[in-house]
């Protein structure tokens, strides 16, 4: 089971992806994060339930210069994530 996040607001051009990646690595999560063409940020994460909850809580704030309006969280079985690996992907 993986968790998909869609983060909406002022989340591009403010270091959101790099900060998300640092948080995910610190929490030992697997997955990826990327910008979306619509101005949102998208992430797929997998790991210990408490670590997943911590990054969801962090994603609602983001880095200091971000202004998060909404975080849509959904669980999925469709993700294929490499354990121990977290990537920043190109914009989709």
PDB file of N, CA and C in Angstrom:
ATOM      1  N   UNK A   1       0.847  -1.184   0.000  1.00  0.00           N
ATOM      2  CA  UNK A   1       0.000   0.000   0.000  1.00  0.00           C
ATOM      3  C   UNK A   1       0.887   1.240   0.000  1.00  0.00           C
ATOM      4  N   UNK A   2       0.555   2.172  -0.838  1.00  0.00           N
ATOM      5  CA  UNK A   2       1.270   3.449  -0.918  1.00  0.00           C
ATOM      6  C   UNK A   2       0.267   4.577  -0.709  1.00  0.00           C
ATOM      7  N   UNK A   3       0.779   5.754  -0.431  1.00  0.00           N
ATOM      8  CA  UNK A   3      -0.063   6.929  -0.228  1.00  0.00           C
ATOM      9  C   UNK A   3       0.288   7.969  -1.279  1.00  0.00           C
ATOM     10  N   UNK A   4      -0.750   8.477  -1.943  1.00  0.00           N
ATOM     11  CA  UNK A   4      -0.604   9.503  -2.970  1.00  0.00           C
ATOM     12  C   UNK A   4      -1.024  10.843  -2.371  1.00  0.00           C
ATOM     13  N   UNK A   5      -0.211  11.870  -2.615  1.00  0.00           N
ATOM     14  CA  UNK A   5      -0.525  13.220  -2.147  1.00  0.00           C
ATOM     15  C   UNK A   5      -0.584  14.170  -3.321  1.00  0.00           C
ATOM     16  N   UNK A   6      -1.552  15.065  -3.306  1.00  0.00           N
ATOM     17  CA  UNK A   6      -1.615  16.179  -4.262  1.00  0.00           C
ATOM     18  C   UNK A   6      -1.666  17.433  -3.412  1.00  0.00           C
ATOM     19  N   UNK A   7      -0.631  18.276  -3.529  1.00  0.00           N
ATOM     20  CA  UNK A   7      -0.507  19.475  -2.711  1.00  0.00           C
ATOM     21  C   UNK A   7      -0.787  20.688  -3.588  1.00  0.00           C
ATOM     22  N   UNK A   8      -1.743  21.509  -3.169  1.00  0.00           N
ATOM     23  CA  UNK A   8      -2.203  22.649  -3.954  1.00  0.00           C
ATOM     24  C   UNK A   8      -1.924  23.942  -3.192  1.00  0.00           C
ATOM     25  N   UNK A   9      -1.566  24.982  -3.919  1.00  0.00           N
ATOM     26  CA  UNK A   9      -1.307  26.295  -3.338  1.00  0.00           C
ATOM     27  C   UNK A   9      -0.067  26.882  -3.986  1.00  0.00           C
ATOM     28  N   UNK A  10       0.618  27.748  -3.272  1.00  0.00           N
ATOM     29  CA  UNK A  10       1.895  28.290  -3.749  1.00  0.00           C
ATOM     30  C   UNK A  10       2.963  27.289  -3.324  1.00  0.00           C
ATOM     31  N   UNK A  11       3.180  26.279  -4.186  1.00  0.00           N
ATOM     32  CA  UNK A  11       4.068  25.167  -3.835  1.00  0.00           C
ATOM     33  C   UNK A  11       5.134  24.901  -4.893  1.00  0.00           C
ATOM     34  N   UNK A  12       5.179  25.720  -5.924  1.00  0.00           N
ATOM     35  CA  UNK A  12       6.243  25.604  -6.928  1.00  0.00           C
ATOM     36  C   UNK A  12       7.087  26.870  -6.885  1.00  0.00           C
ATOM     37  N   UNK A  13       8.389  26.689  -7.066  1.00  0.00           N
ATOM     38  CA  UNK A  13       9.304  27.826  -7.039  1.00  0.00           C
ATOM     39  C   UNK A  13       9.642  28.300  -5.632  1.00  0.00           C
ATOM     40  N   UNK A  14       9.323  27.468  -4.629  1.00  0.00           N
ATOM     41  CA  UNK A  14       9.572  27.847  -3.239  1.00  0.00           C
ATOM     42  C   UNK A  14      10.381  26.778  -2.493  1.00  0.00           C
ATOM     43  N   UNK A  15      10.958  25.842  -3.231  1.00  0.00           N
ATOM     44  CA  UNK A  15      11.760  24.788  -2.615  1.00  0.00           C
ATOM     45  C   UNK A  15      10.955  23.653  -2.011  1.00  0.00           C
ATOM     46  N   UNK A  16       9.688  23.536  -2.422  1.00  0.00           N
ATOM     47  CA  UNK A  16       8.822  22.514  -1.829  1.00  0.00           C
ATOM     48  C   UNK A  16       9.326  21.097  -2.100  1.00  0.00           C
ATOM     49  N   UNK A  17       9.656  20.794  -3.359  1.00  0.00           N
ATOM     50  CA  UNK A  17      10.083  19.425  -3.693  1.00  0.00           C
ATOM     51  C   UNK A  17      11.358  19.038  -2.955  1.00  0.00           C
ATOM     52  N   UNK A  18      12.345  19.920  -2.928  1.00  0.00           N
ATOM     53  CA  UNK A  18      13.606  19.613  -2.245  1.00  0.00           C
ATOM     54  C   UNK A  18      13.374  19.425  -0.746  1.00  0.00           C
ATOM     55  N   UNK A  19      12.532  20.253  -0.168  1.00  0.00           N
ATOM     56  CA  UNK A  19      12.232  20.119   1.255  1.00  0.00           C
ATOM     57  C   UNK A  19      11.449  18.835   1.531  1.00  0.00           C
ATOM     58  N   UNK A  20      10.517  18.504   0.643  1.00  0.00           N
ATOM     59  CA  UNK A  20       9.744  17.266   0.787  1.00  0.00           C
ATOM     60  C   UNK A  20      10.680  16.066   0.712  1.00  0.00           C
ATOM     61  N   UNK A  21      11.590  16.105  -0.250  1.00  0.00           N
ATOM     62  CA  UNK A  21      12.555  15.009  -0.395  1.00  0.00           C
ATOM     63  C   UNK A  21      13.389  14.848   0.877  1.00  0.00           C
ATOM     64  N   UNK A  22      13.869  15.943   1.434  1.00  0.00           N
ATOM     65  CA  UNK A  22      14.680  15.888   2.655  1.00  0.00           C
ATOM     66  C   UNK A  22      13.872  15.295   3.815  1.00  0.00           C
ATOM     67  N   UNK A  23      12.626  15.708   3.933  1.00  0.00           N
ATOM     68  CA  UNK A  23      11.763  15.167   4.986  1.00  0.00           C
ATOM     69  C   UNK A  23      11.535  13.673   4.786  1.00  0.00           C
ATOM     70  N   UNK A  24      11.243  13.281   3.554  1.00  0.00           N
ATOM     71  CA  UNK A  24      10.977  11.870   3.246  1.00  0.00           C
ATOM     72  C   UNK A  24      12.195  11.003   3.553  1.00  0.00           C
ATOM     73  N   UNK A  25      13.361  11.486   3.175  1.00  0.00           N
ATOM     74  CA  UNK A  25      14.586  10.720   3.451  1.00  0.00           C
ATOM     75  C   UNK A  25      14.843  10.622   4.956  1.00  0.00           C
ATOM     76  N   UNK A  26      14.624  11.718   5.674  1.00  0.00           N
ATOM     77  CA  UNK A  26      14.821  11.711   7.127  1.00  0.00           C
ATOM     78  C   UNK A  26      13.864  10.722   7.805  1.00  0.00           C
ATOM     79  N   UNK A  27      12.677  10.559   7.232  1.00  0.00           N
ATOM     80  CA  UNK A  27      11.679   9.640   7.781  1.00  0.00           C
ATOM     81  C   UNK A  27      11.806   8.228   7.201  1.00  0.00           C
ATOM     82  N   UNK A  28      12.808   8.023   6.359  1.00  0.00           N
ATOM     83  CA  UNK A  28      13.087   6.730   5.726  1.00  0.00           C
ATOM     84  C   UNK A  28      11.897   6.226   4.895  1.00  0.00           C
ATOM     85  N   UNK A  29      11.289   7.147   4.155  1.00  0.00           N
ATOM     86  CA  UNK A  29      10.189   6.799   3.252  1.00  0.00           C
ATOM     87  C   UNK A  29      10.728   6.476   1.864  1.00  0.00           C
ATOM     88  N   UNK A  30      10.018   5.647   1.154  1.00  0.00           N
ATOM     89  CA  UNK A  30      10.307   5.364  -0.255  1.00  0.00           C
ATOM     90  C   UNK A  30       9.299   6.142  -1.082  1.00  0.00           C
ATOM     91  N   UNK A  31       9.678   6.458  -2.349  1.00  0.00           N
ATOM     92  CA  UNK A  31       8.717   7.101  -3.234  1.00  0.00           C
ATOM     93  C   UNK A  31       9.316   8.167  -4.108  1.00  0.00           C
ATOM     94  N   UNK A  32       8.491   9.168  -4.411  1.00  0.00           N
ATOM     95  CA  UNK A  32       8.915  10.246  -5.288  1.00  0.00           C
ATOM     96  C   UNK A  32       8.047  11.479  -5.081  1.00  0.00           C
ATOM     97  N   UNK A  33       8.533  12.626  -5.588  1.00  0.00           N
ATOM     98  CA  UNK A  33       7.804  13.885  -5.570  1.00  0.00           C
ATOM     99  C   UNK A  33       8.070  14.591  -6.899  1.00  0.00           C
ATOM    100  N   UNK A  34       7.086  15.323  -7.405  1.00  0.00           N
ATOM    101  CA  UNK A  34       7.270  16.073  -8.661  1.00  0.00           C
ATOM    102  C   UNK A  34       6.283  17.225  -8.744  1.00  0.00           C
ATOM    103  N   UNK A  35       6.656  18.226  -9.536  1.00  0.00           N
ATOM    104  CA  UNK A  35       5.737  19.303  -9.881  1.00  0.00           C
ATOM    105  C   UNK A  35       4.748  18.791 -10.910  1.00  0.00           C
ATOM    106  N   UNK A  36       3.560  19.386 -10.925  1.00  0.00           N
ATOM    107  CA  UNK A  36       2.559  19.101 -11.945  1.00  0.00           C
ATOM    108  C   UNK A  36       2.376  20.359 -12.793  1.00  0.00           C
ATOM    109  N   UNK A  37       2.018  20.159 -14.044  1.00  0.00           N
ATOM    110  CA  UNK A  37       1.848  21.286 -14.971  1.00  0.00           C
ATOM    111  C   UNK A  37       0.778  22.271 -14.492  1.00  0.00           C
ATOM    112  N   UNK A  38      -0.153  21.809 -13.651  1.00  0.00           N
ATOM    113  CA  UNK A  38      -1.226  22.685 -13.160  1.00  0.00           C
ATOM    114  C   UNK A  38      -0.804  23.542 -11.965  1.00  0.00           C
ATOM    115  N   UNK A  39       0.471  23.457 -11.558  1.00  0.00           N
ATOM    116  CA  UNK A  39       0.970  24.270 -10.454  1.00  0.00           C
ATOM    117  C   UNK A  39       0.979  23.563  -9.110  1.00  0.00           C
ATOM    118  N   UNK A  40       0.454  22.353  -9.054  1.00  0.00           N
ATOM    119  CA  UNK A  40       0.461  21.590  -7.805  1.00  0.00           C
ATOM    120  C   UNK A  40       1.735  20.750  -7.708  1.00  0.00           C
ATOM    121  N   UNK A  41       1.901  20.098  -6.580  1.00  0.00           N
ATOM    122  CA  UNK A  41       2.977  19.139  -6.369  1.00  0.00           C
ATOM    123  C   UNK A  41       2.325  17.796  -6.067  1.00  0.00           C
ATOM    124  N   UNK A  42       2.906  16.740  -6.609  1.00  0.00           N
ATOM    125  CA  UNK A  42       2.376  15.396  -6.431  1.00  0.00           C
ATOM    126  C   UNK A  42       3.462  14.526  -5.807  1.00  0.00           C
ATOM    127  N   UNK A  43       3.055  13.640  -4.899  1.00  0.00           N
ATOM    128  CA  UNK A  43       4.015  12.728  -4.275  1.00  0.00           C
ATOM    129  C   UNK A  43       3.372  11.366  -4.086  1.00  0.00           C
ATOM    130  N   UNK A  44       4.213  10.337  -4.147  1.00  0.00           N
ATOM    131  CA  UNK A  44       3.813   8.967  -3.837  1.00  0.00           C
ATOM    132  C   UNK A  44       4.786   8.485  -2.777  1.00  0.00           C
ATOM    133  N   UNK A  45       4.271   8.039  -1.653  1.00  0.00           N
ATOM    134  CA  UNK A  45       5.135   7.656  -0.538  1.00  0.00           C
ATOM    135  C   UNK A  45       4.729   6.309   0.035  1.00  0.00           C
ATOM    136  N   UNK A  46       5.710   5.673   0.655  1.00  0.00           N
ATOM    137  CA  UNK A  46       5.465   4.384   1.295  1.00  0.00           C
ATOM    138  C   UNK A  46       6.459   4.237   2.437  1.00  0.00           C
ATOM    139  N   UNK A  47       5.996   3.698   3.552  1.00  0.00           N
ATOM    140  CA  UNK A  47       6.878   3.492   4.694  1.00  0.00           C
ATOM    141  C   UNK A  47       6.089   3.186   5.944  1.00  0.00           C
ATOM    142  N   UNK A  48       6.742   3.321   7.081  1.00  0.00           N
ATOM    143  CA  UNK A  48       6.095   3.064   8.362  1.00  0.00           C
ATOM    144  C   UNK A  48       4.907   4.020   8.537  1.00  0.00           C
ATOM    145  N   UNK A  49       3.783   3.522   9.062  1.00  0.00           N
ATOM    146  CA  UNK A  49       2.584   4.370   9.196  1.00  0.00           C
ATOM    147  C   UNK A  49       2.822   5.682   9.942  1.00  0.00           C
ATOM    148  N   UNK A  50       3.622   5.662  11.006  1.00  0.00           N
ATOM    149  CA  UNK A  50       3.874   6.911  11.734  1.00  0.00           C
ATOM    150  C   UNK A  50       4.685   7.895  10.901  1.00  0.00           C
ATOM    151  N   UNK A  51       5.615   7.396  10.088  1.00  0.00           N
ATOM    152  CA  UNK A  51       6.403   8.262   9.201  1.00  0.00           C
ATOM    153  C   UNK A  51       5.526   8.855   8.109  1.00  0.00           C
ATOM    154  N   UNK A  52       4.605   8.058   7.574  1.00  0.00           N
ATOM    155  CA  UNK A  52       3.673   8.559   6.558  1.00  0.00           C
ATOM    156  C   UNK A  52       2.812   9.668   7.158  1.00  0.00           C
ATOM    157  N   UNK A  53       2.309   9.471   8.370  1.00  0.00           N
ATOM    158  CA  UNK A  53       1.496  10.507   9.026  1.00  0.00           C
ATOM    159  C   UNK A  53       2.305  11.781   9.257  1.00  0.00           C
ATOM    160  N   UNK A  54       3.574  11.633   9.618  1.00  0.00           N
ATOM    161  CA  UNK A  54       4.424  12.804   9.856  1.00  0.00           C
ATOM    162  C   UNK A  54       4.644  13.604   8.584  1.00  0.00           C
ATOM    163  N   UNK A  55       4.860  12.924   7.454  1.00  0.00           N
ATOM    164  CA  UNK A  55       5.090  13.699   6.226  1.00  0.00           C
ATOM    165  C   UNK A  55       3.790  14.307   5.705  1.00  0.00           C
ATOM    166  N   UNK A  56       2.674  13.649   5.947  1.00  0.00           N
ATOM    167  CA  UNK A  56       1.390  14.262   5.575  1.00  0.00           C
ATOM    168  C   UNK A  56       1.188  15.546   6.380  1.00  0.00           C
ATOM    169  N   UNK A  57       1.456  15.486   7.675  1.00  0.00           N
ATOM    170  CA  UNK A  57       1.337  16.686   8.508  1.00  0.00           C
ATOM    171  C   UNK A  57       2.299  17.775   8.030  1.00  0.00           C
ATOM    172  N   UNK A  58       3.546  17.393   7.713  1.00  0.00           N
ATOM    173  CA  UNK A  58       4.515  18.368   7.212  1.00  0.00           C
ATOM    174  C   UNK A  58       4.042  18.968   5.891  1.00  0.00           C
ATOM    175  N   UNK A  59       3.481  18.140   5.013  1.00  0.00           N
ATOM    176  CA  UNK A  59       3.074  18.616   3.687  1.00  0.00           C
ATOM    177  C   UNK A  59       1.992  19.684   3.768  1.00  0.00           C
ATOM    178  N   UNK A  60       1.227  19.700   4.832  1.00  0.00           N
ATOM    179  CA  UNK A  60       0.172  20.721   5.009  1.00  0.00           C
ATOM    180  C   UNK A  60       0.773  22.094   5.321  1.00  0.00           C
ATOM    181  N   UNK A  61       2.045  22.124   5.762  1.00  0.00           N
ATOM    182  CA  UNK A  61       2.762  23.391   6.025  1.00  0.00           C
ATOM    183  C   UNK A  61       3.757  23.673   4.905  1.00  0.00           C
ATOM    184  N   UNK A  62       4.605  22.667   4.627  1.00  0.00           N
ATOM    185  CA  UNK A  62       5.663  22.835   3.637  1.00  0.00           C
ATOM    186  C   UNK A  62       6.773  23.721   4.157  1.00  0.00           C
ATOM    187  N   UNK A  63       7.703  24.095   3.268  1.00  0.00           N
ATOM    188  CA  UNK A  63       8.784  25.000   3.672  1.00  0.00           C
ATOM    189  C   UNK A  63       8.228  26.399   3.959  1.00  0.00           C
ATOM    190  N   UNK A  64       9.033  27.230   4.568  1.00  0.00           N
ATOM    191  CA  UNK A  64       8.595  28.544   5.037  1.00  0.00           C
ATOM    192  C   UNK A  64       7.923  29.402   3.977  1.00  0.00           C
ATOM    193  N   UNK A  65       8.442  29.416   2.761  1.00  0.00           N
ATOM    194  CA  UNK A  65       7.885  30.295   1.730  1.00  0.00           C
ATOM    195  C   UNK A  65       6.691  29.701   0.981  1.00  0.00           C
ATOM    196  N   UNK A  66       6.311  28.483   1.275  1.00  0.00           N
ATOM    197  CA  UNK A  66       5.137  27.870   0.627  1.00  0.00           C
ATOM    198  C   UNK A  66       3.856  28.347   1.309  1.00  0.00           C
ATOM    199  N   UNK A  67       2.789  28.336   0.545  1.00  0.00           N
ATOM    200  CA  UNK A  67       1.462  28.643   1.085  1.00  0.00           C
ATOM    201  C   UNK A  67       0.523  27.523   0.622  1.00  0.00           C
ATOM    202  N   UNK A  68       0.420  26.485   1.429  1.00  0.00           N
ATOM    203  CA  UNK A  68      -0.375  25.307   1.081  1.00  0.00           C
ATOM    204  C   UNK A  68      -1.848  25.605   1.338  1.00  0.00           C
ATOM    205  N   UNK A  69      -2.674  25.374   0.320  1.00  0.00           N
ATOM    206  CA  UNK A  69      -4.118  25.565   0.458  1.00  0.00           C
ATOM    207  C   UNK A  69      -4.835  24.253   0.754  1.00  0.00           C
ATOM    208  N   UNK A  70      -4.340  23.165   0.142  1.00  0.00           N
ATOM    209  CA  UNK A  70      -5.035  21.889   0.286  1.00  0.00           C
ATOM    210  C   UNK A  70      -4.069  20.739   0.031  1.00  0.00           C
ATOM    211  N   UNK A  71      -4.254  19.654   0.764  1.00  0.00           N
ATOM    212  CA  UNK A  71      -3.528  18.414   0.521  1.00  0.00           C
ATOM    213  C   UNK A  71      -4.563  17.308   0.385  1.00  0.00           C
ATOM    214  N   UNK A  72      -4.598  16.680  -0.777  1.00  0.00           N
ATOM    215  CA  UNK A  72      -5.511  15.569  -1.026  1.00  0.00           C
ATOM    216  C   UNK A  72      -4.717  14.279  -0.845  1.00  0.00           C
ATOM    217  N   UNK A  73      -5.162  13.444   0.066  1.00  0.00           N
ATOM    218  CA  UNK A  73      -4.458  12.210   0.421  1.00  0.00           C
ATOM    219  C   UNK A  73      -5.316  11.014   0.021  1.00  0.00           C
ATOM    220  N   UNK A  74      -4.712  10.061  -0.673  1.00  0.00           N
ATOM    221  CA  UNK A  74      -5.431   8.830  -1.021  1.00  0.00           C
ATOM    222  C   UNK A  74      -4.473   7.649  -1.003  1.00  0.00           C
ATOM    223  N   UNK A  75      -4.996   6.502  -0.618  1.00  0.00           N
ATOM    224  CA  UNK A  75      -4.206   5.270  -0.620  1.00  0.00           C
ATOM    225  C   UNK A  75      -4.364   4.575  -1.960  1.00  0.00           C
ATOM    226  N   UNK A  76      -3.311   3.895  -2.385  1.00  0.00           N
ATOM    227  CA  UNK A  76      -3.356   3.190  -3.662  1.00  0.00           C
ATOM    228  C   UNK A  76      -2.553   1.902  -3.581  1.00  0.00           C
ATOM    229  N   UNK A  77      -2.997   0.919  -4.324  1.00  0.00           N
ATOM    230  CA  UNK A  77      -2.250  -0.335  -4.454  1.00  0.00           C
ATOM    231  C   UNK A  77      -1.489  -0.364  -5.774  1.00  0.00           C
ATOM    232  N   UNK A  78      -1.662   0.678  -6.597  1.00  0.00           N
ATOM    233  CA  UNK A  78      -1.100   0.699  -7.950  1.00  0.00           C
ATOM    234  C   UNK A  78       0.368   1.097  -8.022  1.00  0.00           C
ATOM    235  N   UNK A  79       0.927   1.599  -6.947  1.00  0.00           N
ATOM    236  CA  UNK A  79       2.289   2.127  -6.991  1.00  0.00           C
ATOM    237  C   UNK A  79       3.328   1.018  -6.896  1.00  0.00           C
ATOM    238  N   UNK A  80       4.367   1.159  -7.692  1.00  0.00           N
ATOM    239  CA  UNK A  80       5.527   0.276  -7.592  1.00  0.00           C
ATOM    240  C   UNK A  80       6.703   1.144  -7.153  1.00  0.00           C
ATOM    241  N   UNK A  81       7.051   1.050  -5.878  1.00  0.00           N
ATOM    242  CA  UNK A  81       8.103   1.887  -5.322  1.00  0.00           C
ATOM    243  C   UNK A  81       9.272   1.021  -4.883  1.00  0.00           C
ATOM    244  N   UNK A  82      10.472   1.521  -5.114  1.00  0.00           N
ATOM    245  CA  UNK A  82      11.676   0.800  -4.710  1.00  0.00           C
ATOM    246  C   UNK A  82      11.968   1.082  -3.241  1.00  0.00           C
ATOM    247  N   UNK A  83      12.033   0.047  -2.404  1.00  0.00           N
ATOM    248  CA  UNK A  83      12.320   0.261  -0.984  1.00  0.00           C
ATOM    249  C   UNK A  83      13.636   1.013  -0.786  1.00  0.00           C
ATOM    250  N   UNK A  84      13.601   1.989   0.119  1.00  0.00           N
ATOM    251  CA  UNK A  84      14.807   2.736   0.449  1.00  0.00           C
ATOM    252  C   UNK A  84      15.198   3.795  -0.566  1.00  0.00           C
ATOM    253  N   UNK A  85      14.366   4.025  -1.573  1.00  0.00           N
ATOM    254  CA  UNK A  85      14.707   5.003  -2.607  1.00  0.00           C
ATOM    255  C   UNK A  85      13.650   6.108  -2.639  1.00  0.00           C
ATOM    256  N   UNK A  86      14.120   7.361  -2.699  1.00  0.00           N
ATOM    257  CA  UNK A  86      13.219   8.498  -2.847  1.00  0.00           C
ATOM    258  C   UNK A  86      13.789   9.418  -3.910  1.00  0.00           C
ATOM    259  N   UNK A  87      12.964   9.765  -4.911  1.00  0.00           N
ATOM    260  CA  UNK A  87      13.410  10.553  -6.062  1.00  0.00           C
ATOM    261  C   UNK A  87      12.609  11.836  -6.235  1.00  0.00           C
ATOM    262  N   UNK A  88      13.237  12.821  -6.847  1.00  0.00           N
ATOM    263  CA  UNK A  88      12.537  13.987  -7.371  1.00  0.00           C
ATOM    264  C   UNK A  88      12.389  13.736  -8.849  1.00  0.00           C
ATOM    265  N   UNK A  89      11.156  13.662  -9.322  1.00  0.00           N
ATOM    266  CA  UNK A  89      10.888  13.345 -10.734  1.00  0.00           C
ATOM    267  C   UNK A  89      10.648  14.617 -11.528  1.00  0.00           C
ATOM    268  N   UNK A  90      10.767  14.523 -12.860  1.00  0.00           N
ATOM    269  CA  UNK A  90      10.474  15.684 -13.714  1.00  0.00           C
ATOM    270  C   UNK A  90       8.992  16.045 -13.661  1.00  0.00           C
ATOM    271  N   UNK A  91       8.701  17.278 -13.999  1.00  0.00           N
ATOM    272  CA  UNK A  91       7.329  17.766 -14.044  1.00  0.00           C
ATOM    273  C   UNK A  91       6.490  16.911 -14.978  1.00  0.00           C
ATOM    274  N   UNK A  92       5.258  16.641 -14.541  1.00  0.00           N
ATOM    275  CA  UNK A  92       4.322  15.854 -15.369  1.00  0.00           C
ATOM    276  C   UNK A  92       3.125  16.695 -15.738  1.00  0.00           C
TER     277      UNK A  92
END
